[in-house]
Amino acid sequence: MKLTIDNLQGQGPVDYTAWLDGTLAPHIQRVLNQPAKLKLRLIASAAGFVVPTMGARVMLAKANGVFLFTGYLIQAPEIVYLGWGEQAAIYEYELTAESDEVLLDQKALPNRAPFVARAAGSALRQLAEDLLPGKFDVSAVQDLDPIACYTVNPQKKFTFHAADIALAARASYRAMNGALSISAVGAESYAINEIDATFSPAGLRLNRANVVVNDVTVIGQNEPQAYVRDYFVGDGLSSHFYLSQTPFQQNRPPLIEEQFTEAEIDATTWVVNDPTAAFSLVAQALQVSGGSGAGWENHRLIHRADRAGGERSGCSMAM
């Protein structure tokens, strides 16, 4: 494992591997569609040791060069005095860093029109370019499913919108080593092999989020809230009795209302497309009759526009 820290003071990345606390391994926390966090401890004396500063770039990689974490210190190191060594005092430095997208969170998003029918990956690339043009490599950002409409709130951070966009596309985004990526959930899987020599059962932790799943909320029309019983005594003269409360009712105006009082379908109200004469009026009601149903896709009864110039409404029948 190799740890390098760039304090952004012109010296470039400095190898801090030798000062890692050997009793506590670095801890990386990854949560779906949230910035990754790194916590580690350094133990060193004051001689020859440069204390990392807030905002320093941190890179943790395996010995083969594969990156485990890249990001920036989000707060000054917590310093604990451990005692006096052979040559100088010994201190413990606890560092906390967040992944690369913390740079995007430091800038405010510009006002922009909502994304309409835009692919999730395309929207994510656009937000990154709006904040830091050319800073992040977006070649690994997949387009994924389109989002019908997404409104960007400039008061929210980039990570908030990235999580919303990824959730809408059932995907997962990540920032690593100056590159953004987004892929569908489940695109990568990891197998646990208990007979592997490097497998440590003590280091395996499975946590279940304490959240409600499959919780469905149904919002419908108004319903009656109370039941009232009224009593009336007739005196032989009164013809009207009034209720103490207004009755509950739901107004459902019909989309199209037609009495069909004429002998035939009114051509000024309806456009009839009836090649087999399946539509007819019987007892002031529309009757539809026919054979097996083959070819019925061409049978339509369409309501014309309102005679006063109102908006056109339609009623289509396809059997």
Protein backbone atom coordinates (compact mmCIF):
# COMPACT_ATOMS: atom_id res chain seq x y z
CA MET A 1 0.00 0.00 0.00
CA LYS A 2 1.29 3.46 -0.91
CA LEU A 3 0.09 6.79 0.45
CA THR A 4 1.03 10.08 -1.20
CA ILE A 5 -0.10 13.55 -0.12
CA ASP A 6 0.34 16.76 -2.09
CA ASN A 7 0.10 19.79 0.18
CA LEU A 8 -0.20 22.01 -2.91
CA GLN A 9 2.86 24.00 -1.88
CA GLY A 10 4.92 23.32 -4.99
CA GLN A 11 6.64 20.15 -3.76
CA GLY A 12 4.29 17.78 -5.55
CA PRO A 13 3.09 14.43 -4.14
CA VAL A 14 5.12 13.28 -1.12
CA ASP A 15 5.28 9.65 -0.01
CA TYR A 16 3.76 9.33 3.49
CA THR A 17 3.62 5.52 3.54
CA ALA A 18 6.34 5.20 6.18
CA TRP A 19 4.30 7.27 8.66
CA LEU A 20 1.08 5.21 8.40
CA ASP A 21 -0.16 3.83 11.73
CA GLY A 22 0.64 0.12 11.59
CA THR A 23 -1.98 -0.74 14.23
CA LEU A 24 -4.94 0.66 12.31
CA ALA A 25 -5.38 0.25 8.57
CA PRO A 26 -6.82 3.13 6.50
CA HIS A 27 -10.63 2.99 6.40
CA ILE A 28 -12.50 3.77 3.18
CA GLN A 29 -16.26 4.22 3.35
CA ARG A 30 -18.25 3.94 0.14
CA VAL A 31 -21.99 4.61 0.05
CA LEU A 32 -24.07 4.32 -3.10
CA ASN A 33 -24.14 7.65 -4.98
CA GLN A 34 -22.35 9.59 -2.24
CA PRO A 35 -18.76 10.84 -1.98
CA ALA A 36 -16.31 8.24 -0.66
CA LYS A 37 -14.58 9.03 2.62
CA LEU A 38 -11.11 8.06 3.82
CA LYS A 39 -9.89 8.05 7.40
CA LEU A 40 -6.32 7.19 8.39
CA ARG A 41 -3.72 7.88 11.04
CA LEU A 42 -0.13 9.02 10.73
CA ILE A 43 2.41 8.69 13.53
CA ALA A 44 5.58 10.76 13.28
CA SER A 45 7.90 13.05 15.15
CA ALA A 46 8.24 16.73 14.42
CA ALA A 47 11.66 16.27 12.82
CA GLY A 48 11.42 15.92 9.04
CA PHE A 49 7.64 15.53 8.99
CA VAL A 50 5.39 18.01 7.18
CA VAL A 51 1.89 18.13 8.64
CA PRO A 52 -0.73 17.78 5.85
CA THR A 53 -2.84 20.89 5.36
CA MET A 54 -6.54 21.23 4.79
CA GLY A 55 -7.30 20.83 1.08
CA ALA A 56 -4.25 18.65 0.41
CA ARG A 57 -4.65 15.99 -2.26
CA VAL A 58 -4.55 12.41 -0.94
CA MET A 59 -3.91 9.33 -3.08
CA LEU A 60 -4.01 5.80 -1.65
CA ALA A 61 -3.05 2.95 -3.98
CA LYS A 62 -2.08 -0.69 -3.89
CA ALA A 63 1.49 -1.79 -4.46
CA ASN A 64 0.58 -2.69 -8.07
CA GLY A 65 -0.59 0.87 -8.77
CA VAL A 66 -4.37 0.30 -8.56
CA PHE A 67 -5.98 3.30 -6.87
CA LEU A 68 -8.10 2.68 -3.79
CA PHE A 69 -8.93 6.32 -3.07
CA THR A 70 -8.19 9.77 -4.43
CA GLY A 71 -9.50 12.95 -2.89
CA TYR A 72 -8.84 15.97 -0.71
CA LEU A 73 -8.58 16.64 3.01
CA ILE A 74 -11.81 18.30 4.10
CA GLN A 75 -10.52 19.42 7.50
CA ALA A 76 -7.29 20.08 9.30
CA PRO A 77 -5.66 16.99 10.87
CA GLU A 78 -6.55 16.17 14.47
CA ILE A 79 -3.29 16.06 16.43
CA VAL A 80 -2.79 13.95 19.57
CA TYR A 81 0.40 14.08 21.62
CA LEU A 82 1.65 10.53 22.31
CA GLY A 83 4.82 11.26 24.28
CA TRP A 84 8.51 11.78 23.85
CA GLY A 85 10.56 9.56 21.57
CA GLU A 86 14.33 9.03 21.38
CA GLN A 87 14.91 12.27 19.49
CA ALA A 88 11.68 14.29 19.54
CA ALA A 89 8.04 14.34 20.56
CA ILE A 90 5.71 11.81 18.90
CA TYR A 91 2.34 12.92 17.55
CA GLU A 92 -0.63 11.14 16.02
CA TYR A 93 -2.38 12.80 13.07
CA GLU A 94 -5.90 11.70 12.13
CA LEU A 95 -6.82 12.65 8.55
CA THR A 96 -10.27 12.78 6.93
CA ALA A 97 -10.64 13.11 3.16
CA GLU A 98 -13.44 12.99 0.61
CA SER A 99 -13.25 11.82 -2.99
CA ASP A 100 -12.55 14.03 -5.99
CA GLU A 101 -16.08 15.37 -6.50
CA VAL A 102 -15.53 17.62 -3.48
CA LEU A 103 -13.96 20.03 -5.98
CA LEU A 104 -17.25 20.24 -7.87
CA ASP A 105 -19.17 20.83 -4.64
CA GLN A 106 -17.10 23.94 -3.94
CA LYS A 107 -18.55 25.78 -6.96
CA ALA A 108 -22.13 26.92 -7.49
CA LEU A 109 -24.07 25.61 -10.46
CA PRO A 110 -25.23 28.23 -12.97
CA ASN A 111 -28.88 28.85 -13.74
CA ARG A 112 -29.90 26.66 -16.65
CA ALA A 113 -32.98 25.29 -18.36
CA PRO A 114 -34.22 21.87 -17.19
CA PHE A 115 -32.90 18.74 -18.89
CA VAL A 116 -35.69 17.32 -21.06
CA ALA A 117 -35.45 13.80 -22.53
CA ARG A 118 -31.73 13.88 -21.76
CA ALA A 119 -29.66 10.75 -21.12
CA ALA A 120 -28.53 10.48 -17.49
CA GLY A 121 -24.85 10.31 -18.43
CA SER A 122 -25.16 13.27 -20.77
CA ALA A 123 -26.75 15.37 -18.00
CA LEU A 124 -23.97 14.41 -15.57
CA ARG A 125 -21.29 15.34 -18.10
CA GLN A 126 -22.95 18.69 -18.72
CA LEU A 127 -23.05 19.55 -15.00
CA ALA A 128 -19.36 18.69 -14.58
CA GLU A 129 -18.43 20.83 -17.59
CA ASP A 130 -20.52 23.73 -16.31
CA LEU A 131 -18.58 23.73 -13.04
CA LEU A 132 -15.01 22.80 -14.02
CA PRO A 133 -14.57 22.65 -17.82
CA GLY A 134 -12.03 20.02 -18.81
CA LYS A 135 -11.05 19.19 -15.21
CA PHE A 136 -12.54 15.69 -15.10
CA ASP A 137 -12.19 12.83 -17.53
CA VAL A 138 -15.78 11.89 -18.51
CA SER A 139 -14.96 9.17 -21.05
CA ALA A 140 -16.26 6.49 -18.64
CA VAL A 141 -19.63 8.21 -18.19
CA GLN A 142 -22.23 6.03 -19.92
CA ASP A 143 -25.38 7.57 -21.39
CA LEU A 144 -27.83 5.09 -19.78
CA ASP A 145 -31.59 5.72 -19.81
CA PRO A 146 -33.08 9.11 -20.70
CA ILE A 147 -34.67 11.24 -17.99
CA ALA A 148 -38.02 12.77 -18.95
CA CYS A 149 -37.39 16.06 -17.13
CA TYR A 150 -34.86 17.12 -14.50
CA THR A 151 -34.62 20.61 -13.02
CA VAL A 152 -31.26 21.76 -11.66
CA ASN A 153 -31.40 23.75 -8.42
CA PRO A 154 -28.35 26.07 -8.27
CA GLN A 155 -28.61 26.12 -4.46
CA LYS A 156 -27.81 22.40 -4.29
CA LYS A 157 -24.35 20.87 -4.65
CA PHE A 158 -23.11 18.81 -7.55
CA THR A 159 -23.16 15.59 -5.51
CA PHE A 160 -26.85 16.13 -4.71
CA HIS A 161 -27.76 16.37 -8.39
CA ALA A 162 -25.42 13.52 -9.36
CA ALA A 163 -27.13 11.26 -6.83
CA ASP A 164 -30.60 12.28 -8.09
CA ILE A 165 -29.66 11.68 -11.72
CA ALA A 166 -28.08 8.30 -10.94
CA LEU A 167 -31.09 7.25 -8.89
CA ALA A 168 -33.48 8.17 -11.71
CA ALA A 169 -31.49 5.97 -14.11
CA ARG A 170 -30.94 3.19 -11.52
CA ALA A 171 -27.22 3.73 -11.76
CA SER A 172 -24.17 4.43 -9.63
CA TYR A 173 -21.65 7.24 -10.13
CA ARG A 174 -18.08 7.51 -8.83
CA ALA A 175 -15.15 9.92 -8.98
CA MET A 176 -11.64 8.45 -8.92
CA ASN A 177 -8.25 9.86 -9.94
CA GLY A 178 -9.74 12.86 -11.74
CA ALA A 179 -12.29 10.83 -13.70
CA LEU A 180 -16.07 10.58 -13.44
CA SER A 181 -17.91 7.37 -14.21
CA ILE A 182 -21.51 6.23 -14.10
CA SER A 183 -22.85 2.77 -14.83
CA ALA A 184 -25.99 0.77 -14.21
CA VAL A 185 -26.40 -0.77 -10.76
CA GLY A 186 -25.18 -4.36 -10.84
CA ALA A 187 -22.78 -3.81 -13.72
CA GLU A 188 -19.93 -4.88 -11.43
CA SER A 189 -20.02 -7.77 -8.98
CA TYR A 190 -17.47 -9.06 -6.49
CA ALA A 191 -17.18 -12.67 -5.37
CA ILE A 192 -16.15 -13.67 -1.85
CA ASN A 193 -13.92 -16.72 -1.78
CA GLU A 194 -13.54 -18.14 1.71
CA ILE A 195 -10.61 -20.37 0.73
CA ASP A 196 -8.61 -17.44 -0.66
CA ALA A 197 -5.37 -16.97 1.27
CA THR A 198 -5.97 -13.21 1.47
CA PHE A 199 -9.56 -13.52 2.74
CA SER A 200 -10.04 -12.28 6.31
CA PRO A 201 -13.38 -13.29 7.91
CA ALA A 202 -12.76 -10.85 10.77
CA GLY A 203 -12.61 -7.96 8.32
CA LEU A 204 -15.95 -8.75 6.65
CA ARG A 205 -18.83 -6.57 7.80
CA LEU A 206 -22.33 -6.71 6.35
CA ASN A 207 -24.65 -3.90 7.36
CA ARG A 208 -28.31 -3.57 6.48
CA ALA A 209 -29.65 -0.07 6.16
CA ASN A 210 -32.41 0.63 8.66
CA VAL A 211 -34.89 1.94 6.12
CA VAL A 212 -38.42 1.02 5.11
CA VAL A 213 -38.61 -0.83 1.81
CA ASN A 214 -41.60 -1.47 -0.41
CA ASP A 215 -43.45 1.40 1.26
CA VAL A 216 -46.22 2.51 -1.08
CA THR A 217 -48.21 5.72 -0.57
CA VAL A 218 -51.43 6.03 -2.59
CA ILE A 219 -53.02 9.44 -2.95
CA GLY A 220 -56.51 9.43 -4.42
CA GLN A 221 -59.54 11.65 -4.51
CA ASN A 222 -61.22 13.10 -1.44
CA GLU A 223 -63.18 10.72 0.72
CA PRO A 224 -65.92 11.31 3.30
CA GLN A 225 -64.49 12.19 6.69
CA ALA A 226 -67.57 11.79 8.89
CA TYR A 227 -71.04 10.27 8.92
CA VAL A 228 -74.04 12.29 10.12
CA ARG A 229 -77.51 11.02 10.98
CA ASP A 230 -80.41 13.48 10.84
CA TYR A 231 -83.95 12.92 12.18
CA PHE A 232 -87.01 14.68 10.77
CA VAL A 233 -90.57 14.75 12.08
CA GLY A 234 -93.26 15.53 9.58
CA ASP A 235 -96.08 17.89 10.53
CA GLY A 236 -98.25 17.22 7.51
CA LEU A 237 -97.55 20.65 6.05
CA SER A 238 -93.79 20.91 5.42
CA SER A 239 -92.62 19.61 2.06
CA HIS A 240 -88.89 20.29 2.44
CA PHE A 241 -86.46 18.98 5.06
CA TYR A 242 -82.90 20.33 5.18
CA LEU A 243 -79.78 18.39 6.11
CA SER A 244 -77.54 19.62 8.92
CA GLN A 245 -74.37 19.07 6.84
CA THR A 246 -73.50 19.42 3.19
CA PRO A 247 -73.48 15.95 1.61
CA PHE A 248 -70.18 14.65 0.28
CA GLN A 249 -70.04 14.36 -3.48
CA GLN A 250 -67.48 14.06 -6.22
CA ASN A 251 -68.07 15.90 -9.44
CA ARG A 252 -66.91 13.91 -12.41
CA PRO A 253 -67.89 15.80 -15.53
CA PRO A 254 -68.07 13.57 -18.58
CA LEU A 255 -65.39 13.96 -21.21
CA ILE A 256 -68.04 13.89 -23.98
CA GLU A 257 -71.78 14.03 -23.45
CA GLU A 258 -74.13 13.06 -26.26
CA GLN A 259 -77.83 12.26 -25.97
CA PHE A 260 -78.10 10.69 -29.47
CA THR A 261 -81.60 12.09 -29.86
CA GLU A 262 -81.45 12.09 -33.66
CA ALA A 263 -82.30 9.15 -35.86
CA GLU A 264 -78.74 9.04 -37.18
CA ILE A 265 -75.32 10.07 -35.89
CA ASP A 266 -75.03 13.85 -36.22
CA ALA A 267 -72.35 14.51 -38.87
CA THR A 268 -71.88 18.07 -37.56
CA THR A 269 -70.79 16.71 -34.16
CA TRP A 270 -69.06 13.47 -35.07
CA VAL A 271 -66.62 12.33 -37.74
CA VAL A 272 -67.57 8.74 -38.57
CA ASN A 273 -65.10 6.28 -40.07
CA ASP A 274 -67.19 3.12 -40.36
CA PRO A 275 -66.36 1.02 -43.42
CA THR A 276 -68.55 -1.96 -42.36
CA ALA A 277 -71.48 0.02 -40.89
CA ALA A 278 -70.84 -1.24 -37.36
CA PHE A 279 -72.11 1.94 -35.63
CA SER A 280 -75.84 2.47 -35.26
CA LEU A 281 -78.35 4.22 -32.97
CA VAL A 282 -80.84 2.06 -31.09
CA ALA A 283 -83.19 3.54 -28.47
CA GLN A 284 -81.16 6.78 -28.28
CA ALA A 285 -77.95 4.85 -27.54
CA LEU A 286 -74.85 4.10 -29.57
CA GLN A 287 -74.61 0.45 -30.52
CA VAL A 288 -71.46 -1.18 -31.89
CA SER A 289 -71.78 -4.57 -33.52
CA GLY A 290 -69.63 -6.62 -35.84
CA GLY A 291 -67.96 -9.94 -36.53
CA SER A 292 -64.81 -11.48 -35.08
CA GLY A 293 -63.02 -8.15 -34.63
CA ALA A 294 -60.52 -8.47 -37.50
CA GLY A 295 -59.92 -5.16 -39.20
CA TRP A 296 -61.57 -3.09 -36.48
CA GLU A 297 -58.56 -0.84 -36.05
CA ASN A 298 -59.99 1.38 -38.84
CA HIS A 299 -63.34 1.98 -37.08
CA ARG A 300 -63.37 5.35 -35.33
CA LEU A 301 -65.92 7.78 -34.01
CA ILE A 302 -64.25 11.16 -33.42
CA HIS A 303 -65.89 14.17 -31.75
CA ARG A 304 -65.52 17.40 -33.71
CA ALA A 305 -64.23 20.68 -32.27
CA ASP A 306 -66.68 22.74 -30.25
CA ARG A 307 -68.82 24.87 -32.51
CA ALA A 308 -67.89 27.99 -30.55
CA GLY A 309 -64.23 27.48 -31.43
CA GLY A 310 -63.22 25.57 -28.32
CA GLU A 311 -60.33 23.14 -28.06
CA ARG A 312 -60.69 19.95 -30.07
CA SER A 313 -61.64 16.85 -28.08
CA GLY A 314 -61.66 13.30 -29.32
CA CYS A 315 -63.27 9.97 -28.65
CA SER A 316 -61.75 7.07 -30.59
CA MET A 317 -63.04 3.53 -30.71
CA ALA A 318 -60.82 0.77 -32.02
CA MET A 319 -62.07 -2.78 -31.72
